[in-house]
Amino acid sequence: MTKQKNRKSRDKQYQSEKKNSKQPPPQRNQKNLKSKGKPSATDKKQRGQNNVTIEATCSGLTSEGKGIVQWEGKQLEVANLLPGETAEVVVSKKGRFNTELKRVINPSEDRSNPPFTYYHEDAGCQIHHMNDQAQKRFKQKTIDELMKPFGKPDPIITMEHPYGYRNKNVMTFGLNNERQIVSGLYAPNTHRIIPMERSLLHDPKADEIIQTIKGMMKSFKMQPYNEDTGRGFLRHVLIRVGKFSGEIMVVLVAASPVFKGKNNFIKALRKTHPEITTILLNINDRNDSMVLGDQEKVLFGKGTITDNLCGLEFEISAKSFYQINPVQTEKLYKKAIEMAELIGEETVVDAYCGIGTIGLVASQKAGKVIGVELNKDAVRDAIRNSKRNGVKNARFYQGDAGEFMVQMAARGENADVVIMDPPRSGSDEAFLSSVVKLQPKRVVYVSCNPETQARDMKYLVNNGYEVKKIQPVDMFPQTVHVEAVTKLVRKEEAGNQ
């Protein structure tokens, strides 16, 4: 009853936020307005500084959701601009042409400002300014163009409440120029922190906890880590939220295991947020871009949280791979299982199985599931999740999935279905050739990057498979990213499909 109440409350909040999202576009400096193509006196001064304000009309969008405008024979890309809109754009030349949207003169009907004050396209919300229908068309077009060689994709599956869906958030801590503690995300390709108190994508409770931690740091004499000097304590805070269970994990990522006043800190944090079910200290003393280090200590609770997905319960650790958007994941997995066409007799290989989510969901309809994953911690979690759910027909192995399938083929073993869910970089030829050697009747390819998915599908099509279905799913609203699941059938079997 409590879980249903919480979900209804969140749904109500998102509906309210969405209802209030139709605000006029941001207005910046409206002085020195000029006729089209005629720079003002201010603009001429800016030209001397390699800056100029122009008036331009957007003719289309890039694959990254940026508006396309023409200026002096050059094609420029402008973030937050929509087709058909005329706008004032600041153009600067620093090695290459950079642009900044200054003012939208005639907003498009597709424009929809986000319901929160804190957002930034560099922090991941590249298409927050598009309304739901515009985002849907943009992503459908992206998939349609990528998948054109293989057939017509089905209509994209969208999300009813496309805000606050992320169940995992990481914020970085540092000092600004005034020596004040800030938390936020790194700007792309830099280690400059974009301060952020609220995100379109984050679970509201996660952002709230992070702001509480930031506010506590001064009184507990907790300094953010400085990469240049190597001094300081707190580097990042990672929050995981069980969207269905309501459990919350807080991971303090520190440069040192010495945490002075930790007991009082934990007590104070839990007094403000009693909903926190576990707190961990992760030690990261490296100088690379990895968020989590190898050492981990449980400060409060059991060190993991649980969540429910497709009728199963999963235990999730700080390092577990678990789909970011569980609401859309259920829709995605449902389509993947439909494409696998399981009737209770099939042998299914779950490649890149992670903590076993999709393999365990498939086990409910398959004869036998074999999960293979290179990460030994993930395999341990998969085995634990299998036992937790009383699954008897799934086995999980640590190793390279491609080599595993080659060995299966060499032993004369068969698989009816291979389900593959690789990272954004997709698969390599070695893995794809192992799929071909194993000769499953069906391949279900789940991808968070349709560009590499299309590349890999071309290899499978050239080696005896035929694409039968393409289903895009909007797993990441407000961003340019889109997920897709495709069904490929071995050509000897295709006539029976």
Protein backbone atom coordinates (compact mmCIF):
# COMPACT_ATOMS: atom_id res chain seq x y z
CA MET A 1 0.00 0.00 0.00
CA THR A 2 2.85 2.40 0.91
CA LYS A 3 4.64 1.66 -2.38
CA GLN A 4 1.48 2.40 -4.40
CA LYS A 5 0.96 5.61 -2.42
CA ASN A 6 4.52 6.76 -3.10
CA ARG A 7 4.22 6.02 -6.81
CA LYS A 8 0.87 7.87 -7.05
CA SER A 9 2.40 10.82 -5.24
CA ARG A 10 5.35 10.90 -7.63
CA ASP A 11 3.06 10.56 -10.67
CA LYS A 12 1.01 13.50 -9.37
CA GLN A 13 4.17 15.56 -8.95
CA TYR A 14 5.38 14.82 -12.48
CA GLN A 15 1.95 15.64 -13.95
CA SER A 16 1.99 18.95 -12.09
CA GLU A 17 5.53 19.70 -13.27
CA LYS A 18 4.64 18.84 -16.85
CA LYS A 19 1.48 20.95 -16.71
CA ASN A 20 3.51 23.97 -15.65
CA SER A 21 6.26 23.38 -18.22
CA LYS A 22 4.74 25.54 -20.97
CA GLN A 23 6.68 28.65 -20.09
CA PRO A 24 7.92 31.27 -22.54
CA PRO A 25 11.48 30.68 -23.80
CA PRO A 26 14.32 32.13 -21.75
CA GLN A 27 14.88 35.82 -22.42
CA ARG A 28 18.41 37.04 -22.07
CA ASN A 29 19.67 40.48 -23.13
CA GLN A 30 17.03 42.12 -25.31
CA LYS A 31 18.93 45.39 -25.89
CA ASN A 32 20.39 46.42 -29.22
CA LEU A 33 17.80 44.58 -31.30
CA LYS A 34 18.49 45.00 -35.00
CA SER A 35 17.11 44.19 -38.38
CA LYS A 36 18.09 40.91 -39.93
CA GLY A 37 21.68 40.77 -41.14
CA LYS A 38 22.67 44.22 -39.79
CA PRO A 39 24.99 44.09 -36.78
CA SER A 40 24.51 46.82 -34.16
CA ALA A 41 27.28 49.04 -32.79
CA THR A 42 27.65 46.55 -29.95
CA ASP A 43 27.96 43.77 -32.50
CA LYS A 44 30.73 45.64 -34.35
CA LYS A 45 32.61 45.95 -31.08
CA GLN A 46 32.06 42.24 -30.51
CA ARG A 47 33.48 41.53 -33.99
CA GLY A 48 36.75 42.99 -32.83
CA GLN A 49 36.68 40.43 -30.04
CA ASN A 50 35.82 37.64 -32.49
CA ASN A 51 32.20 37.75 -31.23
CA VAL A 52 29.16 38.79 -33.20
CA THR A 53 25.43 38.61 -32.54
CA ILE A 54 23.45 37.51 -35.59
CA GLU A 55 19.80 36.94 -36.39
CA ALA A 56 19.24 33.56 -38.04
CA THR A 57 16.50 31.06 -38.81
CA CYS A 58 16.86 27.38 -37.92
CA SER A 59 16.49 25.06 -40.92
CA GLY A 60 16.79 21.66 -39.23
CA LEU A 61 18.37 19.58 -36.48
CA THR A 62 21.62 17.64 -36.17
CA SER A 63 21.68 14.09 -34.83
CA GLU A 64 22.60 15.66 -31.47
CA GLY A 65 19.42 17.75 -31.45
CA LYS A 66 21.14 21.07 -32.18
CA GLY A 67 19.57 23.62 -34.50
CA ILE A 68 21.20 24.24 -37.88
CA VAL A 69 21.63 27.84 -39.13
CA GLN A 70 23.51 29.38 -42.03
CA TRP A 71 25.85 32.38 -41.64
CA GLU A 72 28.29 33.80 -44.18
CA GLY A 73 28.32 30.54 -46.10
CA LYS A 74 28.94 28.45 -43.01
CA GLN A 75 26.65 25.94 -41.32
CA LEU A 76 26.51 26.52 -37.59
CA GLU A 77 24.99 24.39 -34.83
CA VAL A 78 23.02 26.06 -32.03
CA ALA A 79 21.90 24.23 -28.89
CA ASN A 80 18.27 24.71 -27.74
CA LEU A 81 17.07 25.99 -31.12
CA LEU A 82 14.21 24.38 -33.06
CA PRO A 83 13.39 24.24 -36.79
CA GLY A 84 11.51 27.31 -38.04
CA GLU A 85 12.58 29.49 -35.11
CA THR A 86 14.31 32.81 -35.74
CA ALA A 87 16.70 33.77 -32.99
CA GLU A 88 19.56 35.99 -31.93
CA VAL A 89 22.71 33.89 -31.72
CA VAL A 90 26.12 34.90 -30.40
CA VAL A 91 28.84 33.52 -32.66
CA SER A 92 32.42 33.39 -31.40
CA LYS A 93 35.53 32.13 -33.11
CA LYS A 94 38.02 30.42 -30.85
CA GLY A 95 39.81 28.05 -33.18
CA ARG A 96 36.39 27.03 -34.49
CA PHE A 97 32.97 28.67 -34.49
CA ASN A 98 31.05 28.40 -31.22
CA THR A 99 27.48 29.54 -30.75
CA GLU A 100 25.20 30.53 -27.88
CA LEU A 101 21.47 31.09 -28.11
CA LYS A 102 20.77 34.62 -26.90
CA ARG A 103 17.05 35.07 -27.60
CA VAL A 104 14.31 33.23 -29.47
CA ILE A 105 12.32 35.77 -31.47
CA ASN A 106 9.48 33.52 -32.64
CA PRO A 107 9.18 30.30 -30.59
CA SER A 108 8.10 27.09 -32.31
CA GLU A 109 4.95 25.25 -31.29
CA ASP A 110 7.31 22.36 -30.49
CA ARG A 111 9.05 24.36 -27.75
CA SER A 112 8.51 23.40 -24.12
CA ASN A 113 10.67 24.77 -21.34
CA PRO A 114 11.54 22.31 -18.55
CA PRO A 115 9.65 22.42 -15.27
CA PHE A 116 12.77 22.98 -13.13
CA THR A 117 15.11 25.92 -12.85
CA TYR A 118 18.26 23.82 -12.88
CA TYR A 119 19.11 22.26 -16.21
CA HIS A 120 21.89 22.43 -18.74
CA GLU A 121 22.29 20.75 -22.11
CA ASP A 122 25.93 19.98 -21.28
CA ALA A 123 24.68 18.00 -18.28
CA GLY A 124 22.75 15.61 -20.51
CA CYS A 125 19.40 17.33 -21.17
CA GLN A 126 20.13 18.12 -24.82
CA ILE A 127 16.49 18.24 -25.99
CA HIS A 128 14.70 19.42 -22.85
CA HIS A 129 13.33 22.35 -24.88
CA MET A 130 11.32 20.03 -27.17
CA ASN A 131 7.81 19.03 -26.13
CA ASP A 132 6.90 15.34 -25.90
CA GLN A 133 5.65 15.04 -29.47
CA ALA A 134 8.71 16.80 -30.90
CA GLN A 135 11.04 14.50 -28.95
CA LYS A 136 9.07 11.51 -30.21
CA ARG A 137 9.38 12.64 -33.86
CA PHE A 138 13.08 13.43 -33.46
CA LYS A 139 13.92 10.01 -32.01
CA GLN A 140 11.70 8.13 -34.45
CA LYS A 141 13.45 9.87 -37.35
CA THR A 142 16.86 8.96 -35.88
CA ILE A 143 15.93 5.27 -35.70
CA ASP A 144 14.19 5.26 -39.09
CA GLU A 145 17.28 6.63 -40.84
CA LEU A 146 19.72 4.30 -39.09
CA MET A 147 17.58 1.22 -39.69
CA LYS A 148 16.57 2.04 -43.27
CA PRO A 149 18.68 -0.82 -44.74
CA PHE A 150 16.84 -3.38 -42.57
CA GLY A 151 13.19 -2.34 -42.72
CA LYS A 152 10.70 0.02 -41.15
CA PRO A 153 10.90 0.33 -37.34
CA ASP A 154 7.74 0.20 -35.23
CA PRO A 155 6.55 3.42 -33.54
CA ILE A 156 8.74 4.35 -30.59
CA ILE A 157 7.49 3.43 -27.10
CA THR A 158 7.49 6.64 -25.06
CA MET A 159 7.26 7.37 -21.33
CA GLU A 160 4.13 8.74 -19.69
CA HIS A 161 5.98 10.81 -17.05
CA PRO A 162 9.36 11.64 -18.65
CA TYR A 163 11.01 13.37 -15.67
CA GLY A 164 12.93 12.21 -12.61
CA TYR A 165 13.33 8.68 -13.95
CA ARG A 166 17.00 8.00 -13.23
CA ASN A 167 17.56 5.50 -10.41
CA LYS A 168 21.31 6.20 -10.26
CA ASN A 169 22.85 9.66 -9.94
CA VAL A 170 26.44 10.77 -9.42
CA MET A 171 27.37 14.31 -8.39
CA THR A 172 30.91 15.68 -8.19
CA PHE A 173 32.05 18.06 -5.44
CA GLY A 174 34.51 20.94 -5.62
CA LEU A 175 35.11 24.61 -4.81
CA ASN A 176 34.10 27.57 -6.97
CA ASN A 177 36.12 30.76 -7.43
CA GLU A 178 34.71 32.14 -4.18
CA ARG A 179 35.90 29.02 -2.35
CA GLN A 180 32.32 27.86 -1.81
CA ILE A 181 31.45 24.17 -1.99
CA VAL A 182 29.56 23.25 -5.16
CA SER A 183 28.11 19.99 -6.45
CA GLY A 184 27.18 19.15 -10.00
CA LEU A 185 28.30 17.44 -13.19
CA TYR A 186 31.42 17.86 -15.28
CA ALA A 187 31.01 19.88 -18.47
CA PRO A 188 31.79 17.67 -21.52
CA ASN A 189 35.48 16.97 -22.08
CA THR A 190 36.49 19.02 -19.03
CA HIS A 191 36.79 18.75 -15.28
CA ARG A 192 34.88 22.00 -14.82
CA ILE A 193 31.88 21.42 -12.56
CA ILE A 194 28.50 22.73 -13.69
CA PRO A 195 26.76 23.54 -10.37
CA MET A 196 23.39 21.81 -10.20
CA GLU A 197 20.84 21.60 -7.42
CA ARG A 198 18.02 19.95 -9.35
CA SER A 199 18.01 17.93 -12.54
CA LEU A 200 15.26 17.09 -14.97
CA LEU A 201 16.42 13.49 -15.00
CA HIS A 202 17.33 12.69 -11.40
CA ASP A 203 15.07 11.21 -8.80
CA PRO A 204 13.96 14.24 -6.71
CA LYS A 205 14.87 12.53 -3.45
CA ALA A 206 18.40 11.80 -4.70
CA ASP A 207 18.99 15.48 -5.52
CA GLU A 208 17.58 16.45 -2.13
CA ILE A 209 19.98 14.12 -0.30
CA ILE A 210 22.97 15.45 -2.25
CA GLN A 211 22.07 19.03 -1.33
CA THR A 212 21.77 17.99 2.32
CA ILE A 213 25.27 16.46 2.19
CA LYS A 214 26.65 19.62 0.58
CA GLY A 215 25.08 21.72 3.34
CA MET A 216 26.55 19.48 6.07
CA MET A 217 30.13 19.54 4.80
CA LYS A 218 31.16 22.88 6.32
CA SER A 219 29.99 22.04 9.85
CA PHE A 220 31.73 18.64 9.65
CA LYS A 221 34.91 20.25 8.23
CA MET A 222 34.67 18.02 5.21
CA GLN A 223 36.58 19.44 2.25
CA PRO A 224 35.88 18.51 -1.39
CA TYR A 225 38.76 16.83 -3.15
CA ASN A 226 41.01 19.00 -5.33
CA GLU A 227 42.43 17.10 -8.33
CA ASP A 228 45.24 19.61 -8.86
CA THR A 229 46.58 19.62 -5.29
CA GLY A 230 45.52 16.09 -4.29
CA ARG A 231 44.05 17.51 -1.09
CA GLY A 232 40.57 17.20 0.30
CA PHE A 233 38.25 14.31 1.12
CA LEU A 234 34.94 14.04 -0.78
CA ARG A 235 35.10 13.46 -4.54
CA HIS A 236 31.61 12.30 -5.52
CA VAL A 237 28.30 11.18 -4.07
CA LEU A 238 26.50 8.32 -5.79
CA ILE A 239 22.82 7.70 -5.03
CA ARG A 240 20.85 4.61 -6.05
CA VAL A 241 17.08 4.58 -5.61
CA GLY A 242 14.87 1.51 -5.76
CA LYS A 243 12.03 3.03 -7.78
CA PHE A 244 9.60 0.28 -6.79
CA SER A 245 11.02 -0.76 -3.40
CA GLY A 246 11.69 2.78 -2.15
CA GLU A 247 15.11 1.73 -0.77
CA ILE A 248 17.93 4.28 -1.08
CA MET A 249 21.71 3.79 -1.16
CA VAL A 250 24.18 6.62 -0.54
CA VAL A 251 27.81 6.10 -1.58
CA LEU A 252 30.37 8.67 -0.39
CA VAL A 253 33.33 8.48 -2.78
CA ALA A 254 36.39 9.74 -0.94
CA ALA A 255 40.09 10.12 -1.65
CA SER A 256 41.02 8.65 1.75
CA PRO A 257 39.65 5.96 4.08
CA VAL A 258 40.13 8.32 7.06
CA PHE A 259 36.65 9.71 7.72
CA LYS A 260 36.72 11.88 10.82
CA GLY A 261 33.40 12.21 12.60
CA LYS A 262 31.77 9.58 10.40
CA ASN A 263 29.39 8.30 13.09
CA ASN A 264 28.02 11.76 13.80
CA PHE A 265 27.83 12.51 10.07
CA ILE A 266 25.80 9.36 9.39
CA LYS A 267 23.55 10.04 12.37
CA ALA A 268 22.87 13.62 11.19
CA LEU A 269 22.27 12.55 7.58
CA ARG A 270 19.82 9.84 8.58
CA LYS A 271 18.02 12.18 10.94
CA THR A 272 17.27 14.45 7.96
CA HIS A 273 16.66 11.53 5.58
CA PRO A 274 15.40 8.46 7.48
CA GLU A 275 14.44 6.96 4.10
CA ILE A 276 18.13 6.14 3.45
CA THR A 277 18.53 2.37 3.92
CA THR A 278 22.29 1.98 3.44
CA ILE A 279 25.41 4.17 3.36
CA LEU A 280 28.83 3.17 1.99
CA LEU A 281 32.29 4.72 1.86
CA ASN A 282 34.11 4.06 -1.41
CA ILE A 283 37.83 4.88 -1.62
CA ASN A 284 39.08 6.27 -4.93
CA ASP A 285 42.67 7.52 -4.82
CA ARG A 286 43.26 7.24 -8.59
CA ASN A 287 43.84 10.06 -11.07
CA ASP A 288 41.54 8.85 -13.81
CA SER A 289 37.90 9.40 -14.79
CA MET A 290 36.51 6.39 -12.92
CA VAL A 291 34.00 7.38 -10.24
CA LEU A 292 34.30 4.34 -7.96
CA GLY A 293 37.48 2.89 -6.53
CA ASP A 294 38.15 -0.74 -5.59
CA GLN A 295 37.87 -0.38 -1.80
CA GLU A 296 34.45 -0.21 -0.20
CA LYS A 297 33.21 -0.10 3.39
CA VAL A 298 29.63 -0.34 4.61
CA LEU A 299 28.92 2.43 7.13
CA PHE A 300 25.22 1.75 7.65
CA GLY A 301 22.73 -0.91 6.53
CA LYS A 302 23.40 -4.00 4.47
CA GLY A 303 25.45 -2.37 1.68
CA THR A 304 22.95 -3.14 -1.08
CA ILE A 305 19.39 -2.21 -2.03
CA THR A 306 16.71 -4.26 -3.75
CA ASP A 307 14.28 -3.35 -6.49
CA ASN A 308 11.57 -5.12 -8.47
CA LEU A 309 11.61 -5.59 -12.22
CA CYS A 310 9.21 -7.65 -14.34
CA GLY A 311 7.93 -9.49 -11.26
CA LEU A 312 11.40 -10.39 -9.96
CA GLU A 313 13.44 -8.92 -7.11
CA PHE A 314 17.03 -7.84 -7.72
CA GLU A 315 19.77 -7.02 -5.26
CA ILE A 316 21.83 -4.07 -6.42
CA SER A 317 25.29 -3.13 -5.18
CA ALA A 318 27.15 0.15 -5.69
CA LYS A 319 28.98 -1.23 -8.75
CA SER A 320 26.12 -3.23 -10.26
CA PHE A 321 24.96 -2.47 -13.78
CA TYR A 322 21.23 -1.95 -13.53
CA GLN A 323 19.11 -0.21 -16.14
CA ILE A 324 18.78 3.51 -15.37
CA ASN A 325 15.05 3.80 -16.15
CA PRO A 326 13.16 0.82 -14.64
CA VAL A 327 9.72 1.95 -15.88
CA GLN A 328 10.87 1.86 -19.51
CA THR A 329 13.08 -1.17 -18.89
CA GLU A 330 10.00 -3.29 -18.18
CA LYS A 331 8.58 -2.25 -21.57
CA LEU A 332 11.91 -2.93 -23.29
CA TYR A 333 12.34 -6.37 -21.71
CA LYS A 334 8.75 -7.30 -22.49
CA LYS A 335 9.41 -6.60 -26.19
CA ALA A 336 12.71 -8.52 -26.08
CA ILE A 337 11.01 -11.60 -24.58
CA GLU A 338 8.23 -11.36 -27.18
CA MET A 339 10.86 -11.34 -29.94
CA ALA A 340 12.59 -14.38 -28.42
CA GLU A 341 9.34 -16.35 -28.95
CA LEU A 342 9.83 -18.59 -25.93
CA ILE A 343 7.43 -21.47 -25.29
CA GLY A 344 9.25 -23.18 -22.41
CA GLU A 345 11.65 -25.46 -24.31
CA GLU A 346 14.34 -23.16 -25.68
CA THR A 347 17.97 -22.81 -24.63
CA VAL A 348 18.75 -19.09 -24.32
CA VAL A 349 22.21 -17.56 -24.11
CA ASP A 350 22.19 -14.20 -22.34
CA ALA A 351 25.40 -12.53 -23.49
CA TYR A 352 26.67 -9.49 -21.57
CA CYS A 353 24.29 -10.68 -18.83
CA GLY A 354 25.40 -8.25 -16.09
CA ILE A 355 23.57 -9.01 -12.83
CA GLY A 356 21.23 -11.33 -14.72
CA THR A 357 18.19 -9.07 -15.19
CA ILE A 358 17.10 -9.95 -18.71
CA GLY A 359 18.24 -13.60 -18.42
CA LEU A 360 16.22 -14.15 -15.27
CA VAL A 361 13.18 -12.49 -16.85
CA ALA A 362 13.60 -14.81 -19.87
CA SER A 363 13.93 -17.83 -17.56
CA GLN A 364 10.23 -17.55 -16.72
CA LYS A 365 9.38 -18.64 -20.27
CA ALA A 366 12.51 -20.51 -21.46
CA GLY A 367 13.62 -24.09 -20.96
CA LYS A 368 17.17 -23.11 -19.93
CA VAL A 369 19.10 -19.85 -19.66
CA ILE A 370 22.90 -19.55 -19.82
CA GLY A 371 24.21 -16.15 -18.74
CA VAL A 372 27.78 -15.11 -19.55
CA GLU A 373 29.51 -11.98 -18.24
CA LEU A 374 33.16 -10.87 -18.02
CA ASN A 375 32.73 -8.94 -14.76
CA LYS A 376 33.07 -11.42 -11.89
CA ASP A 377 31.27 -9.14 -9.41
CA ALA A 378 28.28 -8.95 -11.75
CA VAL A 379 28.25 -12.75 -12.12
CA ARG A 380 28.25 -13.11 -8.34
CA ASP A 381 25.27 -10.73 -8.20
CA ALA A 382 23.49 -12.70 -10.96
CA ILE A 383 23.88 -15.97 -9.06
CA ARG A 384 22.62 -14.30 -5.90
CA ASN A 385 19.63 -12.86 -7.76
CA SER A 386 18.87 -16.26 -9.27
CA LYS A 387 18.73 -17.82 -5.79
CA ARG A 388 16.74 -14.89 -4.39
CA ASN A 389 14.01 -15.49 -6.97
CA GLY A 390 14.08 -19.28 -6.76
CA VAL A 391 15.09 -19.66 -10.41
CA LYS A 392 16.19 -23.23 -11.13
CA ASN A 393 16.72 -23.14 -14.92
CA ALA A 394 19.40 -20.42 -15.18
CA ARG A 395 23.18 -20.73 -14.82
CA PHE A 396 25.67 -17.87 -14.89
CA TYR A 397 29.33 -18.06 -15.92
CA GLN A 398 32.24 -15.63 -15.72
CA GLY A 399 34.08 -15.23 -19.02
CA ASP A 400 34.07 -13.79 -22.51
CA ALA A 401 30.65 -14.46 -24.07
CA GLY A 402 32.09 -14.81 -27.59
CA GLU A 403 34.64 -17.43 -26.56
CA PHE A 404 31.98 -19.20 -24.51
CA MET A 405 29.73 -19.54 -27.58
CA VAL A 406 32.60 -20.75 -29.77
CA GLN A 407 33.29 -23.48 -27.20
CA MET A 408 29.60 -24.39 -27.14
CA ALA A 409 29.61 -24.76 -30.92
CA ALA A 410 32.81 -26.85 -30.80
CA ARG A 411 31.14 -29.23 -28.33
CA GLY A 412 28.15 -29.56 -30.63
CA GLU A 413 25.85 -27.70 -28.23
CA ASN A 414 23.02 -25.58 -29.56
CA ALA A 415 21.20 -22.42 -28.53
CA ASP A 416 17.78 -21.49 -29.84
CA VAL A 417 18.08 -17.82 -28.92
CA VAL A 418 20.95 -15.45 -28.19
CA ILE A 419 20.00 -12.27 -26.33
CA MET A 420 22.73 -9.64 -26.51
CA ASP A 421 22.83 -6.30 -24.71
CA PRO A 422 26.33 -4.88 -25.32
CA PRO A 423 27.76 -1.53 -24.11
CA ARG A 424 27.41 1.66 -26.21
CA SER A 425 30.42 0.67 -28.31
CA GLY A 426 28.48 -2.37 -29.53
CA SER A 427 30.01 -5.76 -30.26
CA ASP A 428 33.17 -6.62 -32.14
CA GLU A 429 33.59 -8.98 -35.07
CA ALA A 430 35.00 -11.72 -32.83
CA PHE A 431 31.78 -11.79 -30.79
CA LEU A 432 29.49 -11.54 -33.82
CA SER A 433 31.34 -14.34 -35.59
CA SER A 434 30.83 -16.52 -32.51
CA VAL A 435 27.07 -15.91 -32.76
CA VAL A 436 27.19 -17.00 -36.39
CA LYS A 437 29.15 -20.15 -35.44
CA LEU A 438 26.63 -21.09 -32.76
CA GLN A 439 23.79 -20.59 -35.29
CA PRO A 440 20.89 -19.74 -32.97
CA LYS A 441 17.49 -19.60 -34.64
CA ARG A 442 16.90 -16.10 -33.32
CA VAL A 443 19.06 -13.22 -32.12
CA VAL A 444 17.49 -10.53 -29.95
CA TYR A 445 19.74 -7.48 -29.97
CA VAL A 446 19.11 -4.87 -27.24
CA SER A 447 21.08 -1.67 -27.71
CA CYS A 448 21.53 1.73 -26.07
CA ASN A 449 23.30 2.96 -29.22
CA PRO A 450 21.39 2.23 -32.46
CA GLU A 451 24.35 3.51 -34.50
CA THR A 452 26.64 0.66 -33.39
CA GLN A 453 23.63 -1.67 -33.39
CA ALA A 454 23.03 -0.97 -37.10
CA ARG A 455 26.72 -1.66 -37.80
CA ASP A 456 26.56 -5.01 -35.98
CA MET A 457 23.26 -5.97 -37.61
CA LYS A 458 24.85 -5.48 -41.02
CA TYR A 459 27.43 -8.15 -40.11
CA LEU A 460 24.74 -10.59 -38.98
CA VAL A 461 22.64 -9.94 -42.10
CA ASN A 462 25.69 -10.57 -44.29
CA ASN A 463 26.24 -13.85 -42.46
CA GLY A 464 22.91 -15.61 -42.68
CA TYR A 465 20.41 -13.58 -40.65
CA GLU A 466 17.38 -11.52 -41.58
CA VAL A 467 15.90 -8.61 -39.60
CA LYS A 468 12.26 -9.25 -38.73
CA LYS A 469 11.39 -6.54 -36.22
CA ILE A 470 12.81 -3.24 -34.94
CA GLN A 471 11.34 -1.66 -31.82
CA PRO A 472 12.68 1.68 -30.52
CA VAL A 473 12.10 2.57 -26.86
CA ASP A 474 12.61 6.01 -25.32
CA MET A 475 14.64 5.02 -22.28
CA PHE A 476 16.18 8.47 -21.84
CA PRO A 477 13.60 11.30 -22.22
CA GLN A 478 15.02 14.85 -22.46
CA THR A 479 18.22 13.47 -24.03
CA VAL A 480 19.14 12.54 -27.61
CA HIS A 481 19.70 8.91 -26.63
CA VAL A 482 17.31 6.20 -27.69
CA GLU A 483 17.30 2.44 -27.14
CA ALA A 484 16.19 -0.19 -29.65
CA VAL A 485 15.57 -3.93 -29.60
CA THR A 486 15.67 -5.91 -32.84
CA LYS A 487 14.79 -9.45 -33.79
CA LEU A 488 17.00 -11.29 -36.30
CA VAL A 489 16.14 -14.75 -37.60
CA ARG A 490 18.43 -17.26 -39.30
CA LYS A 491 17.46 -17.34 -42.97
CA GLU A 492 16.63 -21.05 -42.95
CA GLU A 493 14.08 -20.26 -40.25
CA ALA A 494 12.87 -16.98 -41.71
CA GLY A 495 10.23 -18.61 -43.89
CA ASN A 496 8.52 -19.99 -40.81
CA GLN A 497 8.33 -16.60 -39.07
